[in-house]
Amino acid sequence: MLKNCTTCGAQTREYAEFPSPYDPSVKIVRCYSCRRISLPYTDPTTGKMGP
């Protein structure tokens, strides 16, 4: 299944998905690349950045 990375927007099959720390009903999707180099993501509900 393809998902879009929350950080870079790329479609990927290798990802981690977890609930937002600010709103557990929202899922954060991180591709392997963004996780590996620790690019921050922006929470879609609050606009706050995470590691």
C-alpha atoms as a PDB file:
ATOM      1  CA  MET A   1       0.000   0.000   0.000  1.00  0.00           C
ATOM      2  CA  LEU A   2       1.352   3.442  -0.915  1.00  0.00           C
ATOM      3  CA  LYS A   3       1.145   6.320   1.547  1.00  0.00           C
ATOM      4  CA  ASN A   4       2.270   9.950   1.272  1.00  0.00           C
ATOM      5  CA  CYS A   5       5.017  11.029   3.666  1.00  0.00           C
ATOM      6  CA  THR A   6       3.892  13.855   5.956  1.00  0.00           C
ATOM      7  CA  THR A   7       7.351  15.460   5.725  1.00  0.00           C
ATOM      8  CA  CYS A   8       8.318  15.326   2.048  1.00  0.00           C
ATOM      9  CA  GLY A   9       5.042  14.302   0.379  1.00  0.00           C
ATOM     10  CA  ALA A  10       6.609  11.394  -1.507  1.00  0.00           C
ATOM     11  CA  GLN A  11       4.570   8.241  -2.068  1.00  0.00           C
ATOM     12  CA  THR A  12       6.258   5.296  -0.412  1.00  0.00           C
ATOM     13  CA  ARG A  13       5.766   1.679   0.576  1.00  0.00           C
ATOM     14  CA  GLU A  14       8.438   1.851   3.308  1.00  0.00           C
ATOM     15  CA  TYR A  15       7.033   4.044   6.052  1.00  0.00           C
ATOM     16  CA  ALA A  16       6.275   4.366   9.732  1.00  0.00           C
ATOM     17  CA  GLU A  17       2.809   5.477  10.750  1.00  0.00           C
ATOM     18  CA  PHE A  18       1.940   6.730  14.227  1.00  0.00           C
ATOM     19  CA  PRO A  19      -0.710   8.897  15.908  1.00  0.00           C
ATOM     20  CA  SER A  20      -0.056  12.608  16.195  1.00  0.00           C
ATOM     21  CA  PRO A  21       1.163  13.580  19.677  1.00  0.00           C
ATOM     22  CA  TYR A  22      -1.326  16.481  19.616  1.00  0.00           C
ATOM     23  CA  ASP A  23      -4.391  14.727  18.127  1.00  0.00           C
ATOM     24  CA  PRO A  24      -4.350  10.907  18.291  1.00  0.00           C
ATOM     25  CA  SER A  25      -7.067  10.644  15.633  1.00  0.00           C
ATOM     26  CA  VAL A  26      -4.594  12.046  13.041  1.00  0.00           C
ATOM     27  CA  LYS A  27      -1.900   9.706  11.667  1.00  0.00           C
ATOM     28  CA  ILE A  28       1.627  10.900  10.854  1.00  0.00           C
ATOM     29  CA  VAL A  29       3.333   8.999   8.019  1.00  0.00           C
ATOM     30  CA  ARG A  30       7.128   9.155   7.708  1.00  0.00           C
ATOM     31  CA  CYS A  31       9.060   7.647   4.791  1.00  0.00           C
ATOM     32  CA  TYR A  32      12.279   5.745   5.382  1.00  0.00           C
ATOM     33  CA  SER A  33      14.400   8.586   3.982  1.00  0.00           C
ATOM     34  CA  CYS A  34      12.948  11.310   6.212  1.00  0.00           C
ATOM     35  CA  ARG A  35      13.212   9.094   9.285  1.00  0.00           C
ATOM     36  CA  ARG A  36      16.814   8.146   8.501  1.00  0.00           C
ATOM     37  CA  ILE A  37      18.014  11.761   8.239  1.00  0.00           C
ATOM     38  CA  SER A  38      15.658  12.990  10.993  1.00  0.00           C
ATOM     39  CA  LEU A  39      13.806  15.605   8.968  1.00  0.00           C
ATOM     40  CA  PRO A  40      11.161  17.302  11.105  1.00  0.00           C
ATOM     41  CA  TYR A  41       7.479  16.938  10.253  1.00  0.00           C
ATOM     42  CA  THR A  42       4.675  19.464  10.696  1.00  0.00           C
ATOM     43  CA  ASP A  43       1.568  18.251  12.477  1.00  0.00           C
ATOM     44  CA  PRO A  44      -1.368  18.810  10.099  1.00  0.00           C
ATOM     45  CA  THR A  45      -3.819  19.796  12.862  1.00  0.00           C
ATOM     46  CA  THR A  46      -1.702  22.191  14.940  1.00  0.00           C
ATOM     47  CA  GLY A  47       1.158  23.241  12.648  1.00  0.00           C
ATOM     48  CA  LYS A  48       3.685  22.305  15.353  1.00  0.00           C
ATOM     49  CA  MET A  49       6.896  20.592  14.312  1.00  0.00           C
ATOM     50  CA  GLY A  50       8.094  17.219  15.533  1.00  0.00           C
ATOM     51  CA  PRO A  51      11.343  15.298  15.240  1.00  0.00           C
END
